Amino acid sequence: MSQPSQSRQPASIRAVLLAAGVGDRLRPFTDHHPKCLVEVGERTLLAHHLDHLSQIPEISGLVIVVGYLQEQIREAVAAWKAEKGSDFEVTFEVNPEFRKGSILSLHTAKEQLVASDTVIMDADVLYPRELMERLVRADHRNCFLIDETTVPTGEEMMVCVN
């Protein structure tokens, strides 16, 4: 386990959003749209991510790893930027083997992972902005956000803590 560092405040953190997958478990919602474009509360998951990340001063930009129907994601980012009048930096990395799993999407972003402090996120996970703020302001160099109240259903990605 990482030890707390003395008043660690990174100058900037990049976010990596894994958004390349097909979203088989969300069919039929993902038959014609990537899962990050599924609407939750009248906004897409992607719009929620962009809204949150762009409002956190420690987050300097976002790298979105795309694959399945990637043009729709690129168009949605452009529309969000136009709607908000935002200059929040968003770049894209393409995972041509997106059907083989998210670990390859993470590998696609490997250059980003060593270039700066990084927050790695799945595009289909919704969270309150305050939770992300807590993460990027943590005193630990490496940490996870864990919901200890989760009741396992078999769909969760679990982290075991001893």
N, C-alpha and C. Protein backbone atom coordinates (compact mmCIF):
# COMPACT_ATOMS: atom_id res chain seq x y z
N MET A 1 0.84 -1.18 0.00
CA MET A 1 0.00 0.00 0.00
C MET A 1 0.88 1.24 0.00
N SER A 2 0.50 2.21 -0.75
CA SER A 2 1.27 3.45 -0.85
C SER A 2 1.17 4.26 0.43
N GLN A 3 2.27 4.89 0.79
CA GLN A 3 2.29 5.76 1.95
C GLN A 3 1.91 7.18 1.51
N PRO A 4 1.22 7.92 2.38
CA PRO A 4 0.88 9.29 2.02
C PRO A 4 2.15 10.11 1.80
N SER A 5 2.11 10.98 0.81
CA SER A 5 3.23 11.88 0.58
C SER A 5 2.95 13.20 1.27
N GLN A 6 3.99 13.97 1.48
CA GLN A 6 3.83 15.27 2.13
C GLN A 6 3.24 16.27 1.14
N SER A 7 2.05 16.73 1.43
CA SER A 7 1.34 17.76 0.66
C SER A 7 1.59 17.66 -0.83
N ARG A 8 1.27 16.54 -1.40
CA ARG A 8 1.46 16.29 -2.82
C ARG A 8 0.35 16.97 -3.62
N GLN A 9 0.69 17.92 -4.43
CA GLN A 9 -0.28 18.60 -5.29
C GLN A 9 0.26 18.62 -6.71
N PRO A 10 -0.15 17.67 -7.57
CA PRO A 10 0.35 17.64 -8.93
C PRO A 10 -0.07 18.89 -9.69
N ALA A 11 0.81 19.34 -10.55
CA ALA A 11 0.52 20.52 -11.35
C ALA A 11 -0.66 20.27 -12.28
N SER A 12 -0.70 19.07 -12.85
CA SER A 12 -1.83 18.74 -13.71
C SER A 12 -1.97 17.23 -13.82
N ILE A 13 -3.18 16.81 -14.00
CA ILE A 13 -3.52 15.40 -14.13
C ILE A 13 -4.29 15.25 -15.43
N ARG A 14 -3.93 14.23 -16.20
CA ARG A 14 -4.69 13.90 -17.41
C ARG A 14 -5.65 12.78 -17.07
N ALA A 15 -6.80 12.80 -17.67
CA ALA A 15 -7.76 11.71 -17.53
C ALA A 15 -7.74 10.87 -18.80
N VAL A 16 -7.83 9.57 -18.63
CA VAL A 16 -7.93 8.64 -19.75
C VAL A 16 -9.28 7.96 -19.62
N LEU A 17 -10.10 8.11 -20.64
CA LEU A 17 -11.45 7.54 -20.64
C LEU A 17 -11.49 6.39 -21.65
N LEU A 18 -11.73 5.20 -21.16
CA LEU A 18 -11.80 4.01 -22.01
C LEU A 18 -13.21 3.90 -22.58
N ALA A 19 -13.34 4.21 -23.88
CA ALA A 19 -14.66 4.29 -24.52
C ALA A 19 -14.69 3.53 -25.84
N ALA A 20 -13.86 2.51 -25.99
CA ALA A 20 -13.74 1.83 -27.27
C ALA A 20 -14.70 0.65 -27.44
N GLY A 21 -15.22 0.12 -26.35
CA GLY A 21 -15.97 -1.13 -26.39
C GLY A 21 -17.31 -1.08 -27.09
N VAL A 22 -17.79 -2.27 -27.41
CA VAL A 22 -19.05 -2.44 -28.14
C VAL A 22 -20.25 -2.32 -27.21
N GLY A 23 -20.13 -2.73 -25.98
CA GLY A 23 -21.25 -2.65 -25.04
C GLY A 23 -22.29 -3.71 -25.26
N ASP A 24 -21.87 -4.95 -25.46
CA ASP A 24 -22.81 -6.05 -25.72
C ASP A 24 -23.89 -6.18 -24.64
N ARG A 25 -23.51 -6.00 -23.38
CA ARG A 25 -24.48 -6.19 -22.30
C ARG A 25 -25.55 -5.10 -22.27
N LEU A 26 -25.34 -4.02 -22.98
CA LEU A 26 -26.33 -2.93 -23.00
C LEU A 26 -27.21 -2.95 -24.24
N ARG A 27 -27.08 -4.00 -25.04
CA ARG A 27 -27.94 -4.09 -26.23
C ARG A 27 -29.40 -4.15 -25.80
N PRO A 28 -30.32 -3.55 -26.47
CA PRO A 28 -30.23 -2.94 -27.79
C PRO A 28 -29.80 -1.47 -27.78
N PHE A 29 -29.54 -0.89 -26.60
CA PHE A 29 -29.15 0.52 -26.53
C PHE A 29 -27.89 0.82 -27.32
N THR A 30 -27.01 -0.18 -27.45
CA THR A 30 -25.72 0.05 -28.11
C THR A 30 -25.67 -0.52 -29.53
N ASP A 31 -26.80 -0.88 -30.09
CA ASP A 31 -26.80 -1.40 -31.47
C ASP A 31 -26.32 -0.34 -32.46
N HIS A 32 -26.65 0.92 -32.18
CA HIS A 32 -26.33 1.98 -33.13
C HIS A 32 -25.54 3.12 -32.51
N HIS A 33 -25.19 3.00 -31.23
CA HIS A 33 -24.45 4.04 -30.52
C HIS A 33 -23.47 3.41 -29.55
N PRO A 34 -22.30 4.01 -29.36
CA PRO A 34 -21.38 3.52 -28.32
C PRO A 34 -22.02 3.68 -26.94
N LYS A 35 -21.61 2.86 -26.00
CA LYS A 35 -22.24 2.87 -24.68
C LYS A 35 -22.06 4.20 -23.96
N CYS A 36 -21.01 4.95 -24.25
CA CYS A 36 -20.84 6.25 -23.59
C CYS A 36 -21.84 7.28 -24.10
N LEU A 37 -22.57 6.95 -25.16
CA LEU A 37 -23.60 7.87 -25.67
C LEU A 37 -25.01 7.48 -25.23
N VAL A 38 -25.10 6.50 -24.34
CA VAL A 38 -26.39 6.17 -23.71
C VAL A 38 -26.75 7.34 -22.79
N GLU A 39 -28.01 7.74 -22.81
CA GLU A 39 -28.43 8.87 -21.99
C GLU A 39 -28.81 8.45 -20.58
N VAL A 40 -28.35 9.27 -19.64
CA VAL A 40 -28.69 9.11 -18.22
C VAL A 40 -29.11 10.50 -17.74
N GLY A 41 -30.38 10.65 -17.41
CA GLY A 41 -30.85 11.95 -16.96
C GLY A 41 -30.79 13.02 -18.03
N GLU A 42 -31.19 12.68 -19.25
CA GLU A 42 -31.26 13.60 -20.39
C GLU A 42 -29.91 14.06 -20.92
N ARG A 43 -28.81 13.46 -20.43
CA ARG A 43 -27.47 13.75 -20.95
C ARG A 43 -26.77 12.42 -21.15
N THR A 44 -25.88 12.37 -22.11
CA THR A 44 -25.14 11.13 -22.32
C THR A 44 -24.11 10.93 -21.22
N LEU A 45 -23.70 9.68 -21.04
CA LEU A 45 -22.62 9.40 -20.09
C LEU A 45 -21.39 10.23 -20.45
N LEU A 46 -21.08 10.34 -21.75
CA LEU A 46 -19.93 11.12 -22.18
C LEU A 46 -20.06 12.59 -21.78
N ALA A 47 -21.24 13.16 -21.96
CA ALA A 47 -21.45 14.56 -21.56
C ALA A 47 -21.26 14.74 -20.07
N HIS A 48 -21.73 13.78 -19.28
CA HIS A 48 -21.51 13.84 -17.82
C HIS A 48 -20.01 13.86 -17.51
N HIS A 49 -19.24 12.96 -18.16
CA HIS A 49 -17.79 12.93 -17.96
C HIS A 49 -17.17 14.27 -18.32
N LEU A 50 -17.51 14.78 -19.48
CA LEU A 50 -16.93 16.05 -19.94
C LEU A 50 -17.30 17.19 -19.00
N ASP A 51 -18.54 17.23 -18.57
CA ASP A 51 -18.98 18.27 -17.63
C ASP A 51 -18.14 18.22 -16.36
N HIS A 52 -18.02 17.02 -15.78
CA HIS A 52 -17.31 16.87 -14.51
C HIS A 52 -15.82 17.18 -14.66
N LEU A 53 -15.18 16.52 -15.60
CA LEU A 53 -13.72 16.64 -15.72
C LEU A 53 -13.29 18.05 -16.07
N SER A 54 -14.06 18.72 -16.91
CA SER A 54 -13.68 20.08 -17.33
C SER A 54 -13.82 21.09 -16.20
N GLN A 55 -14.55 20.75 -15.15
CA GLN A 55 -14.76 21.67 -14.03
C GLN A 55 -13.80 21.45 -12.87
N ILE A 56 -12.92 20.47 -12.99
CA ILE A 56 -11.97 20.17 -11.92
C ILE A 56 -10.62 20.78 -12.31
N PRO A 57 -10.16 21.78 -11.58
CA PRO A 57 -8.93 22.49 -11.97
C PRO A 57 -7.70 21.60 -12.11
N GLU A 58 -7.61 20.52 -11.34
CA GLU A 58 -6.44 19.64 -11.42
C GLU A 58 -6.40 18.82 -12.70
N ILE A 59 -7.52 18.68 -13.37
CA ILE A 59 -7.58 17.90 -14.61
C ILE A 59 -7.26 18.82 -15.79
N SER A 60 -6.13 18.55 -16.44
CA SER A 60 -5.67 19.43 -17.52
C SER A 60 -6.19 19.03 -18.90
N GLY A 61 -6.71 17.82 -19.03
CA GLY A 61 -7.22 17.39 -20.32
C GLY A 61 -7.65 15.93 -20.26
N LEU A 62 -8.19 15.49 -21.36
CA LEU A 62 -8.78 14.16 -21.44
C LEU A 62 -8.32 13.46 -22.71
N VAL A 63 -7.92 12.21 -22.57
CA VAL A 63 -7.63 11.34 -23.70
C VAL A 63 -8.74 10.30 -23.73
N ILE A 64 -9.45 10.22 -24.84
CA ILE A 64 -10.51 9.23 -24.97
C ILE A 64 -10.02 8.13 -25.91
N VAL A 65 -10.01 6.89 -25.41
CA VAL A 65 -9.65 5.76 -26.25
C VAL A 65 -10.92 5.28 -26.92
N VAL A 66 -10.94 5.32 -28.24
CA VAL A 66 -12.14 5.00 -29.02
C VAL A 66 -11.90 3.79 -29.90
N GLY A 67 -12.97 3.24 -30.41
CA GLY A 67 -12.93 2.09 -31.31
C GLY A 67 -14.28 1.97 -31.99
N TYR A 68 -15.22 1.30 -31.32
CA TYR A 68 -16.56 1.06 -31.85
C TYR A 68 -17.29 2.39 -32.11
N LEU A 69 -17.73 2.58 -33.35
CA LEU A 69 -18.48 3.77 -33.76
C LEU A 69 -17.82 5.06 -33.27
N GLN A 70 -16.51 5.13 -33.42
CA GLN A 70 -15.74 6.24 -32.88
C GLN A 70 -16.12 7.61 -33.44
N GLU A 71 -16.60 7.67 -34.66
CA GLU A 71 -16.98 8.97 -35.23
C GLU A 71 -18.11 9.62 -34.43
N GLN A 72 -19.02 8.80 -33.91
CA GLN A 72 -20.10 9.35 -33.08
C GLN A 72 -19.55 9.99 -31.81
N ILE A 73 -18.53 9.38 -31.24
CA ILE A 73 -17.92 9.93 -30.02
C ILE A 73 -17.21 11.24 -30.35
N ARG A 74 -16.47 11.27 -31.44
CA ARG A 74 -15.78 12.49 -31.86
C ARG A 74 -16.78 13.62 -32.11
N GLU A 75 -17.89 13.29 -32.78
CA GLU A 75 -18.93 14.29 -33.05
C GLU A 75 -19.57 14.77 -31.76
N ALA A 76 -19.80 13.87 -30.81
CA ALA A 76 -20.41 14.25 -29.54
C ALA A 76 -19.49 15.18 -28.75
N VAL A 77 -18.18 14.93 -28.78
CA VAL A 77 -17.23 15.82 -28.10
C VAL A 77 -17.24 17.19 -28.76
N ALA A 78 -17.23 17.23 -30.08
CA ALA A 78 -17.27 18.51 -30.79
C ALA A 78 -18.55 19.28 -30.47
N ALA A 79 -19.68 18.58 -30.40
CA ALA A 79 -20.96 19.22 -30.07
C ALA A 79 -20.94 19.75 -28.64
N TRP A 80 -20.36 18.97 -27.71
CA TRP A 80 -20.27 19.41 -26.32
C TRP A 80 -19.41 20.66 -26.21
N LYS A 81 -18.26 20.66 -26.90
CA LYS A 81 -17.37 21.83 -26.86
C LYS A 81 -18.08 23.07 -27.41
N ALA A 82 -18.83 22.90 -28.49
CA ALA A 82 -19.56 24.03 -29.08
C ALA A 82 -20.66 24.51 -28.13
N GLU A 83 -21.38 23.57 -27.53
CA GLU A 83 -22.46 23.92 -26.60
C GLU A 83 -21.93 24.69 -25.40
N LYS A 84 -20.81 24.24 -24.86
CA LYS A 84 -20.24 24.84 -23.65
C LYS A 84 -19.31 26.01 -23.94
N GLY A 85 -18.88 26.15 -25.20
CA GLY A 85 -17.86 27.14 -25.51
C GLY A 85 -16.56 26.81 -24.80
N SER A 86 -16.26 25.53 -24.68
CA SER A 86 -15.14 25.06 -23.87
C SER A 86 -13.87 24.87 -24.69
N ASP A 87 -12.75 25.20 -24.06
CA ASP A 87 -11.46 24.90 -24.67
C ASP A 87 -10.76 23.76 -23.92
N PHE A 88 -11.52 22.99 -23.14
CA PHE A 88 -10.99 21.83 -22.44
C PHE A 88 -10.36 20.89 -23.46
N GLU A 89 -9.12 20.51 -23.23
CA GLU A 89 -8.39 19.70 -24.20
C GLU A 89 -8.88 18.26 -24.19
N VAL A 90 -9.33 17.80 -25.35
CA VAL A 90 -9.76 16.42 -25.53
C VAL A 90 -9.04 15.88 -26.75
N THR A 91 -8.32 14.77 -26.58
CA THR A 91 -7.66 14.11 -27.69
C THR A 91 -8.15 12.67 -27.75
N PHE A 92 -7.81 12.00 -28.84
CA PHE A 92 -8.30 10.64 -29.05
C PHE A 92 -7.15 9.70 -29.37
N GLU A 93 -7.26 8.49 -28.89
CA GLU A 93 -6.40 7.38 -29.26
C GLU A 93 -7.32 6.29 -29.78
N VAL A 94 -6.92 5.61 -30.85
CA VAL A 94 -7.77 4.59 -31.46
C VAL A 94 -7.25 3.19 -31.11
N ASN A 95 -8.12 2.37 -30.57
CA ASN A 95 -7.82 0.97 -30.31
C ASN A 95 -8.46 0.16 -31.46
N PRO A 96 -7.65 -0.25 -32.44
CA PRO A 96 -8.21 -1.00 -33.57
C PRO A 96 -8.70 -2.40 -33.18
N GLU A 97 -8.27 -2.88 -32.02
CA GLU A 97 -8.68 -4.22 -31.58
C GLU A 97 -9.67 -4.13 -30.42
N PHE A 98 -10.57 -3.15 -30.48
CA PHE A 98 -11.49 -2.87 -29.39
C PHE A 98 -12.40 -4.03 -29.03
N ARG A 99 -12.61 -4.96 -29.94
CA ARG A 99 -13.50 -6.10 -29.64
C ARG A 99 -12.82 -7.14 -28.74
N LYS A 100 -11.54 -6.97 -28.48
CA LYS A 100 -10.79 -7.96 -27.69
C LYS A 100 -10.68 -7.61 -26.22
N GLY A 101 -11.28 -6.51 -25.78
CA GLY A 101 -11.29 -6.21 -24.36
C GLY A 101 -10.66 -4.88 -23.99
N SER A 102 -11.05 -4.39 -22.81
CA SER A 102 -10.62 -3.06 -22.38
C SER A 102 -9.15 -2.98 -22.00
N ILE A 103 -8.52 -4.10 -21.70
CA ILE A 103 -7.10 -4.05 -21.37
C ILE A 103 -6.29 -3.57 -22.57
N LEU A 104 -6.75 -3.86 -23.78
CA LEU A 104 -6.07 -3.37 -24.98
C LEU A 104 -6.30 -1.88 -25.16
N SER A 105 -7.44 -1.39 -24.71
CA SER A 105 -7.67 0.06 -24.74
C SER A 105 -6.72 0.76 -23.78
N LEU A 106 -6.53 0.17 -22.62
CA LEU A 106 -5.58 0.74 -21.67
C LEU A 106 -4.18 0.73 -22.25
N HIS A 107 -3.81 -0.35 -22.92
CA HIS A 107 -2.50 -0.44 -23.57
C HIS A 107 -2.36 0.62 -24.67
N THR A 108 -3.45 0.91 -25.36
CA THR A 108 -3.43 1.93 -26.40
C THR A 108 -3.03 3.29 -25.83
N ALA A 109 -3.39 3.55 -24.58
CA ALA A 109 -3.10 4.83 -23.93
C ALA A 109 -1.79 4.79 -23.14
N LYS A 110 -0.95 3.80 -23.36
CA LYS A 110 0.25 3.60 -22.54
C LYS A 110 1.17 4.82 -22.51
N GLU A 111 1.30 5.53 -23.61
CA GLU A 111 2.16 6.72 -23.64
C GLU A 111 1.66 7.77 -22.65
N GLN A 112 0.36 7.93 -22.57
CA GLN A 112 -0.23 8.90 -21.64
C GLN A 112 0.02 8.49 -20.20
N LEU A 113 -0.01 7.21 -19.95
CA LEU A 113 0.11 6.72 -18.58
C LEU A 113 1.47 7.01 -17.98
N VAL A 114 2.49 7.13 -18.80
CA VAL A 114 3.83 7.42 -18.30
C VAL A 114 4.19 8.90 -18.45
N ALA A 115 3.40 9.64 -19.18
CA ALA A 115 3.72 11.05 -19.45
C ALA A 115 3.34 11.99 -18.32
N SER A 116 2.34 11.63 -17.53
CA SER A 116 1.88 12.52 -16.46
C SER A 116 1.07 11.73 -15.45
N ASP A 117 0.72 12.40 -14.35
CA ASP A 117 -0.24 11.79 -13.43
C ASP A 117 -1.53 11.56 -14.20
N THR A 118 -2.15 10.42 -13.97
CA THR A 118 -3.28 10.02 -14.80
C THR A 118 -4.40 9.42 -13.97
N VAL A 119 -5.62 9.75 -14.34
CA VAL A 119 -6.81 9.11 -13.81
C VAL A 119 -7.36 8.24 -14.94
N ILE A 120 -7.55 6.96 -14.65
CA ILE A 120 -8.06 6.02 -15.66
C ILE A 120 -9.51 5.71 -15.32
N MET A 121 -10.38 5.82 -16.34
CA MET A 121 -11.81 5.68 -16.11
C MET A 121 -12.46 4.86 -17.22
N ASP A 122 -13.51 4.14 -16.86
CA ASP A 122 -14.36 3.49 -17.85
C ASP A 122 -15.47 4.46 -18.24
N ALA A 123 -15.76 4.56 -19.51
CA ALA A 123 -16.74 5.54 -20.00
C ALA A 123 -18.17 5.22 -19.61
N ASP A 124 -18.41 3.99 -19.16
CA ASP A 124 -19.79 3.62 -18.81
C ASP A 124 -20.05 3.66 -17.31
N VAL A 125 -19.19 4.34 -16.56
CA VAL A 125 -19.37 4.47 -15.12
C VAL A 125 -19.71 5.92 -14.79
N LEU A 126 -20.85 6.12 -14.16
CA LEU A 126 -21.30 7.45 -13.78
C LEU A 126 -20.93 7.71 -12.32
N TYR A 127 -20.54 8.91 -12.02
CA TYR A 127 -20.08 9.27 -10.68
C TYR A 127 -20.39 10.74 -10.42
N PRO A 128 -20.48 11.14 -9.16
CA PRO A 128 -20.63 12.57 -8.87
C PRO A 128 -19.27 13.27 -8.99
N ARG A 129 -19.27 14.50 -9.44
CA ARG A 129 -18.03 15.26 -9.61
C ARG A 129 -17.23 15.30 -8.31
N GLU A 130 -17.90 15.42 -7.20
CA GLU A 130 -17.22 15.51 -5.91
C GLU A 130 -16.36 14.27 -5.62
N LEU A 131 -16.78 13.14 -6.12
CA LEU A 131 -16.00 11.92 -5.93
C LEU A 131 -14.69 12.00 -6.71
N MET A 132 -14.74 12.51 -7.93
CA MET A 132 -13.53 12.66 -8.72
C MET A 132 -12.62 13.72 -8.09
N GLU A 133 -13.19 14.77 -7.58
CA GLU A 133 -12.38 15.79 -6.90
C GLU A 133 -11.65 15.19 -5.72
N ARG A 134 -12.33 14.35 -4.98
CA ARG A 134 -11.70 13.68 -3.83
C ARG A 134 -10.53 12.82 -4.28
N LEU A 135 -10.69 12.13 -5.39
CA LEU A 135 -9.62 11.27 -5.90
C LEU A 135 -8.41 12.09 -6.33
N VAL A 136 -8.61 13.12 -7.14
CA VAL A 136 -7.46 13.87 -7.66
C VAL A 136 -6.78 14.71 -6.58
N ARG A 137 -7.45 14.95 -5.48
CA ARG A 137 -6.86 15.72 -4.39
C ARG A 137 -6.34 14.84 -3.25
N ALA A 138 -6.38 13.54 -3.45
CA ALA A 138 -5.92 12.61 -2.42
C ALA A 138 -4.42 12.78 -2.17
N ASP A 139 -4.00 12.50 -0.95
CA ASP A 139 -2.59 12.60 -0.58
C ASP A 139 -1.78 11.38 -1.00
N HIS A 140 -2.43 10.37 -1.55
CA HIS A 140 -1.74 9.15 -1.96
C HIS A 140 -1.36 9.23 -3.43
N ARG A 141 -0.19 8.73 -3.74
CA ARG A 141 0.27 8.74 -5.14
C ARG A 141 -0.57 7.80 -6.01
N ASN A 142 -0.92 6.65 -5.49
CA ASN A 142 -1.74 5.67 -6.21
C ASN A 142 -2.94 5.34 -5.35
N CYS A 143 -4.14 5.47 -5.92
CA CYS A 143 -5.32 5.13 -5.14
C CYS A 143 -6.48 4.78 -6.07
N PHE A 144 -7.51 4.18 -5.47
CA PHE A 144 -8.72 3.78 -6.16
C PHE A 144 -9.91 4.41 -5.47
N LEU A 145 -10.99 4.58 -6.21
CA LEU A 145 -12.27 4.90 -5.60
C LEU A 145 -13.01 3.58 -5.44
N ILE A 146 -13.43 3.29 -4.24
CA ILE A 146 -14.10 2.02 -3.96
C ILE A 146 -15.42 2.31 -3.26
N ASP A 147 -16.50 1.74 -3.78
CA ASP A 147 -17.80 1.85 -3.14
C ASP A 147 -17.99 0.64 -2.24
N GLU A 148 -17.81 0.84 -0.95
CA GLU A 148 -17.90 -0.27 0.00
C GLU A 148 -19.32 -0.76 0.21
N THR A 149 -20.30 -0.05 -0.33
CA THR A 149 -21.69 -0.45 -0.14
C THR A 149 -22.21 -1.32 -1.28
N THR A 150 -21.38 -1.61 -2.28
CA THR A 150 -21.80 -2.39 -3.43
C THR A 150 -22.22 -3.80 -3.03
N VAL A 151 -23.34 -4.24 -3.54
CA VAL A 151 -23.81 -5.60 -3.35
C VAL A 151 -23.49 -6.36 -4.64
N PRO A 152 -22.62 -7.36 -4.57
CA PRO A 152 -22.20 -8.07 -5.80
C PRO A 152 -23.36 -8.71 -6.54
N THR A 153 -23.40 -8.48 -7.85
CA THR A 153 -24.39 -9.11 -8.73
C THR A 153 -23.72 -9.93 -9.82
N GLY A 154 -22.40 -9.86 -9.89
CA GLY A 154 -21.67 -10.56 -10.94
C GLY A 154 -21.22 -9.65 -12.05
N GLU A 155 -21.76 -8.45 -12.14
CA GLU A 155 -21.40 -7.50 -13.19
C GLU A 155 -20.28 -6.54 -12.75
N GLU A 156 -20.03 -6.46 -11.45
CA GLU A 156 -19.06 -5.49 -10.95
C GLU A 156 -17.64 -5.93 -11.23
N MET A 157 -16.77 -4.93 -11.38
CA MET A 157 -15.34 -5.18 -11.39
C MET A 157 -14.92 -4.94 -9.96
N MET A 158 -14.39 -5.95 -9.31
CA MET A 158 -14.13 -5.86 -7.88
C MET A 158 -12.65 -5.64 -7.59
N VAL A 159 -12.38 -4.87 -6.55
CA VAL A 159 -11.05 -4.70 -6.01
C VAL A 159 -11.12 -5.22 -4.58
N CYS A 160 -10.23 -6.13 -4.25
CA CYS A 160 -10.21 -6.68 -2.90
C CYS A 160 -9.21 -5.89 -2.07
N VAL A 161 -9.62 -5.51 -0.89
CA VAL A 161 -8.77 -4.74 0.02
C VAL A 161 -8.60 -5.53 1.30
N ASN A 162 -7.36 -5.73 1.69
CA ASN A 162 -7.07 -6.46 2.93
C ASN A 162 -6.70 -5.43 4.00
